Amino acid sequence: MATILIKGLPEDLLKELKRLKVEWNCKTWAELLAKLLESRQLILLSEKDLNGIRVGVKKFLKLRDTVSEKWSGPPTAIEESRRSRAHEIS
């Protein structure tokens, strides 16, 4: 099973997720994530959270555009391996 790593998670959100993990008897974080996705509960976000989400989405889309502009064509495994090795050496 794949591992999910999330950096920069606010402490209060992590505390709430830990509480839900215990409350819902989840043994793993993946199990908690699955239950969160299955739940139909309304999730209320503050204006600060919404603004943070908007900023994150805009930055992600900007990054996508930047990468797409520099992409020369459909990548192959060999090209990507060479590119990653060249990047490691620099």
Protein backbone atom coordinates (compact mmCIF):
# COMPACT_ATOMS: atom_id res chain seq x y z
CA MET A 1 0.00 0.00 0.00
CA ALA A 2 1.24 3.48 -0.85
CA THR A 3 2.26 5.93 1.86
CA ILE A 4 0.84 9.44 2.00
CA LEU A 5 3.07 12.20 3.40
CA ILE A 6 1.55 15.56 4.17
CA LYS A 7 3.83 18.38 5.27
CA GLY A 8 2.89 21.71 6.78
CA LEU A 9 -0.36 20.50 8.36
CA PRO A 10 -1.61 22.98 10.98
CA GLU A 11 -1.37 21.62 14.52
CA ASP A 12 -5.07 22.13 15.27
CA LEU A 13 -6.09 20.19 12.15
CA LEU A 14 -3.72 17.35 13.01
CA LYS A 15 -5.19 17.26 16.53
CA GLU A 16 -8.72 17.03 15.09
CA LEU A 17 -7.70 14.23 12.72
CA LYS A 18 -6.12 12.28 15.57
CA ARG A 19 -9.33 12.71 17.58
CA LEU A 20 -11.43 11.41 14.68
CA LYS A 21 -9.05 8.48 14.20
CA VAL A 22 -9.59 7.38 17.79
CA GLU A 23 -13.32 8.18 17.81
CA TRP A 24 -13.99 6.20 14.62
CA ASN A 25 -11.73 3.30 15.73
CA CYS A 26 -9.40 3.62 12.73
CA LYS A 27 -6.18 1.64 12.97
CA THR A 28 -4.41 3.47 10.15
CA TRP A 29 -4.44 6.92 8.60
CA ALA A 30 -5.52 5.34 5.32
CA GLU A 31 -8.58 3.86 7.04
CA LEU A 32 -9.43 7.30 8.46
CA LEU A 33 -9.05 8.87 5.03
CA ALA A 34 -11.36 6.25 3.52
CA LYS A 35 -13.99 6.88 6.20
CA LEU A 36 -13.72 10.64 5.72
CA LEU A 37 -14.27 10.23 2.00
CA GLU A 38 -17.26 7.95 2.57
CA SER A 39 -18.88 10.19 5.13
CA ARG A 40 -21.61 12.52 3.93
CA GLN A 41 -21.22 14.97 6.78
CA LEU A 42 -21.11 18.68 6.08
CA ILE A 43 -17.66 20.10 6.63
CA LEU A 44 -17.57 23.75 7.62
CA LEU A 45 -14.51 25.78 6.75
CA SER A 46 -13.59 29.19 8.03
CA GLU A 47 -12.96 32.07 5.64
CA LYS A 48 -9.25 31.80 6.50
CA ASP A 49 -9.25 28.12 5.48
CA LEU A 50 -11.08 28.89 2.25
CA ASN A 51 -8.60 31.65 1.38
CA GLY A 52 -5.72 29.27 2.05
CA ILE A 53 -7.30 26.67 -0.21
CA ARG A 54 -7.82 29.25 -2.97
CA VAL A 55 -4.19 30.39 -2.76
CA GLY A 56 -2.98 26.79 -2.85
CA VAL A 57 -5.09 25.96 -5.91
CA LYS A 58 -3.86 29.07 -7.74
CA LYS A 59 -0.22 28.19 -6.98
CA PHE A 60 -0.76 24.62 -8.11
CA LEU A 61 -2.34 25.73 -11.39
CA LYS A 62 0.50 28.21 -11.96
CA LEU A 63 3.02 25.42 -11.38
CA ARG A 64 1.12 23.19 -13.81
CA ASP A 65 1.23 25.89 -16.48
CA THR A 66 4.96 26.48 -15.91
CA VAL A 67 5.74 22.78 -16.20
CA SER A 68 3.51 22.39 -19.26
CA GLU A 69 5.25 25.28 -21.04
CA LYS A 70 8.67 23.72 -20.54
CA TRP A 71 7.59 20.20 -21.47
CA SER A 72 8.96 19.35 -24.91
CA GLY A 73 6.67 16.44 -25.77
CA PRO A 74 5.41 13.14 -24.46
CA PRO A 75 7.99 11.87 -21.95
CA THR A 76 9.57 8.46 -22.11
CA ALA A 77 11.01 6.53 -19.21
CA ILE A 78 14.53 6.78 -20.62
CA GLU A 79 14.33 10.56 -21.06
CA GLU A 80 13.01 11.03 -17.54
CA SER A 81 15.72 8.80 -16.07
CA ARG A 82 18.42 10.76 -17.89
CA ARG A 83 16.88 14.06 -16.84
CA SER A 84 16.67 13.03 -13.19
CA ARG A 85 20.29 11.82 -13.18
CA ALA A 86 21.48 15.05 -14.78
CA HIS A 87 19.56 17.01 -12.18
CA GLU A 88 21.15 15.03 -9.33
CA ILE A 89 24.64 15.73 -10.66
CA SER A 90 24.15 19.50 -10.99
